[in-house]
Amino acid sequence: MQEHTQMSPAVFYLRLRLEKGRQYLLHTRMSVLQVAVACGFLSQEHFARRYRDVFGRSPRDERAVSALQTTADMASVTVDKT
């Protein structure tokens, strides 16, 4: 039997805000401070700390890893010159 973990409304809302922040980090050029404020955090530090708690890396590291993956993906694309 699968065990369902109940999440409090506060934790659910925090995760929702952090997921939105992750999308901003991966798909926009907003600064980490801009992302934090857009997601309802009062400080970049608080956003970064909670982000690291949930995703296991800092927002800056998340963006850097994403940039490396995008670069690697682009390098693997072949260009058809016909």
C-alpha atoms as a PDB file:
ATOM      1  CA  MET A   1       0.000   0.000   0.000  1.00  0.00           C
ATOM      2  CA  GLN A   2       1.307   3.435  -0.914  1.00  0.00           C
ATOM      3  CA  GLU A   3       1.696   5.875   1.944  1.00  0.00           C
ATOM      4  CA  HIS A   4       0.406   9.407   1.371  1.00  0.00           C
ATOM      5  CA  THR A   5       2.137  12.177   3.229  1.00  0.00           C
ATOM      6  CA  GLN A   6      -0.103  15.047   4.186  1.00  0.00           C
ATOM      7  CA  MET A   7       1.321  18.474   3.492  1.00  0.00           C
ATOM      8  CA  SER A   8       0.154  21.485   5.458  1.00  0.00           C
ATOM      9  CA  PRO A   9      -1.285  24.374   3.456  1.00  0.00           C
ATOM     10  CA  ALA A  10       1.733  26.507   4.423  1.00  0.00           C
ATOM     11  CA  VAL A  11       4.211  23.919   3.123  1.00  0.00           C
ATOM     12  CA  PHE A  12       2.151  23.411  -0.035  1.00  0.00           C
ATOM     13  CA  TYR A  13       2.108  27.161  -0.711  1.00  0.00           C
ATOM     14  CA  LEU A  14       5.863  27.436  -0.042  1.00  0.00           C
ATOM     15  CA  ARG A  15       6.555  24.604  -2.515  1.00  0.00           C
ATOM     16  CA  LEU A  16       4.314  26.257  -5.072  1.00  0.00           C
ATOM     17  CA  ARG A  17       6.219  29.546  -4.727  1.00  0.00           C
ATOM     18  CA  LEU A  18       9.559  27.764  -4.981  1.00  0.00           C
ATOM     19  CA  GLU A  19       8.451  25.843  -8.083  1.00  0.00           C
ATOM     20  CA  LYS A  20       7.451  29.147  -9.684  1.00  0.00           C
ATOM     21  CA  GLY A  21      10.838  30.559  -8.709  1.00  0.00           C
ATOM     22  CA  ARG A  22      12.533  27.583 -10.333  1.00  0.00           C
ATOM     23  CA  GLN A  23      10.667  28.257 -13.566  1.00  0.00           C
ATOM     24  CA  TYR A  24      11.751  31.915 -13.463  1.00  0.00           C
ATOM     25  CA  LEU A  25      15.364  30.894 -12.878  1.00  0.00           C
ATOM     26  CA  LEU A  26      15.373  28.419 -15.740  1.00  0.00           C
ATOM     27  CA  HIS A  27      13.400  30.406 -18.300  1.00  0.00           C
ATOM     28  CA  THR A  28      14.060  34.098 -17.664  1.00  0.00           C
ATOM     29  CA  ARG A  29      17.012  36.391 -17.168  1.00  0.00           C
ATOM     30  CA  MET A  30      15.594  37.807 -13.914  1.00  0.00           C
ATOM     31  CA  SER A  31      18.103  38.209 -11.101  1.00  0.00           C
ATOM     32  CA  VAL A  32      17.789  35.953  -8.074  1.00  0.00           C
ATOM     33  CA  LEU A  33      16.558  38.963  -6.093  1.00  0.00           C
ATOM     34  CA  GLN A  34      13.881  39.696  -8.713  1.00  0.00           C
ATOM     35  CA  VAL A  35      12.795  36.058  -8.662  1.00  0.00           C
ATOM     36  CA  ALA A  36      12.647  36.046  -4.863  1.00  0.00           C
ATOM     37  CA  VAL A  37      10.470  39.164  -4.761  1.00  0.00           C
ATOM     38  CA  ALA A  38       8.244  37.924  -7.615  1.00  0.00           C
ATOM     39  CA  CYS A  39       7.605  34.740  -5.611  1.00  0.00           C
ATOM     40  CA  GLY A  40       6.701  36.586  -2.421  1.00  0.00           C
ATOM     41  CA  PHE A  41       9.927  36.313  -0.440  1.00  0.00           C
ATOM     42  CA  LEU A  42      11.080  39.349   1.495  1.00  0.00           C
ATOM     43  CA  SER A  43      14.772  38.635   0.980  1.00  0.00           C
ATOM     44  CA  GLN A  44      17.032  36.907  -1.481  1.00  0.00           C
ATOM     45  CA  GLU A  45      18.722  35.085   1.387  1.00  0.00           C
ATOM     46  CA  HIS A  46      15.484  33.567   2.665  1.00  0.00           C
ATOM     47  CA  PHE A  47      14.505  32.487  -0.856  1.00  0.00           C
ATOM     48  CA  ALA A  48      17.952  30.934  -1.447  1.00  0.00           C
ATOM     49  CA  ARG A  49      17.919  29.094   1.881  1.00  0.00           C
ATOM     50  CA  ARG A  50      14.470  27.603   1.322  1.00  0.00           C
ATOM     51  CA  TYR A  51      15.271  26.832  -2.317  1.00  0.00           C
ATOM     52  CA  ARG A  52      18.360  24.889  -1.255  1.00  0.00           C
ATOM     53  CA  ASP A  53      16.330  23.021   1.374  1.00  0.00           C
ATOM     54  CA  VAL A  54      13.829  21.845  -1.233  1.00  0.00           C
ATOM     55  CA  PHE A  55      15.913  21.385  -4.403  1.00  0.00           C
ATOM     56  CA  GLY A  56      19.335  20.591  -2.944  1.00  0.00           C
ATOM     57  CA  ARG A  57      21.208  23.420  -4.667  1.00  0.00           C
ATOM     58  CA  SER A  58      21.251  27.186  -4.558  1.00  0.00           C
ATOM     59  CA  PRO A  59      19.302  29.245  -7.100  1.00  0.00           C
ATOM     60  CA  ARG A  60      22.586  30.390  -8.675  1.00  0.00           C
ATOM     61  CA  ASP A  61      23.806  26.797  -8.963  1.00  0.00           C
ATOM     62  CA  GLU A  62      20.450  25.784 -10.460  1.00  0.00           C
ATOM     63  CA  ARG A  63      20.801  28.412 -13.157  1.00  0.00           C
ATOM     64  CA  ALA A  64      24.447  27.485 -13.829  1.00  0.00           C
ATOM     65  CA  VAL A  65      23.628  23.778 -14.191  1.00  0.00           C
ATOM     66  CA  SER A  66      20.742  24.633 -16.499  1.00  0.00           C
ATOM     67  CA  ALA A  67      23.009  26.814 -18.640  1.00  0.00           C
ATOM     68  CA  LEU A  68      25.563  24.005 -18.916  1.00  0.00           C
ATOM     69  CA  GLN A  69      22.871  21.523 -19.950  1.00  0.00           C
ATOM     70  CA  THR A  70      21.506  23.923 -22.561  1.00  0.00           C
ATOM     71  CA  THR A  71      24.991  24.482 -23.966  1.00  0.00           C
ATOM     72  CA  ALA A  72      25.603  20.732 -24.122  1.00  0.00           C
ATOM     73  CA  ASP A  73      22.239  20.191 -25.814  1.00  0.00           C
ATOM     74  CA  MET A  74      23.010  22.861 -28.392  1.00  0.00           C
ATOM     75  CA  ALA A  75      26.448  21.378 -29.082  1.00  0.00           C
ATOM     76  CA  SER A  76      24.901  18.008 -29.853  1.00  0.00           C
ATOM     77  CA  VAL A  77      22.597  19.437 -32.540  1.00  0.00           C
ATOM     78  CA  THR A  78      23.869  18.970 -36.056  1.00  0.00           C
ATOM     79  CA  VAL A  79      23.283  21.639 -38.665  1.00  0.00           C
ATOM     80  CA  ASP A  80      21.952  20.542 -42.032  1.00  0.00           C
ATOM     81  CA  LYS A  81      23.717  22.627 -44.701  1.00  0.00           C
ATOM     82  CA  THR A  82      21.711  21.439 -47.722  1.00  0.00           C
END
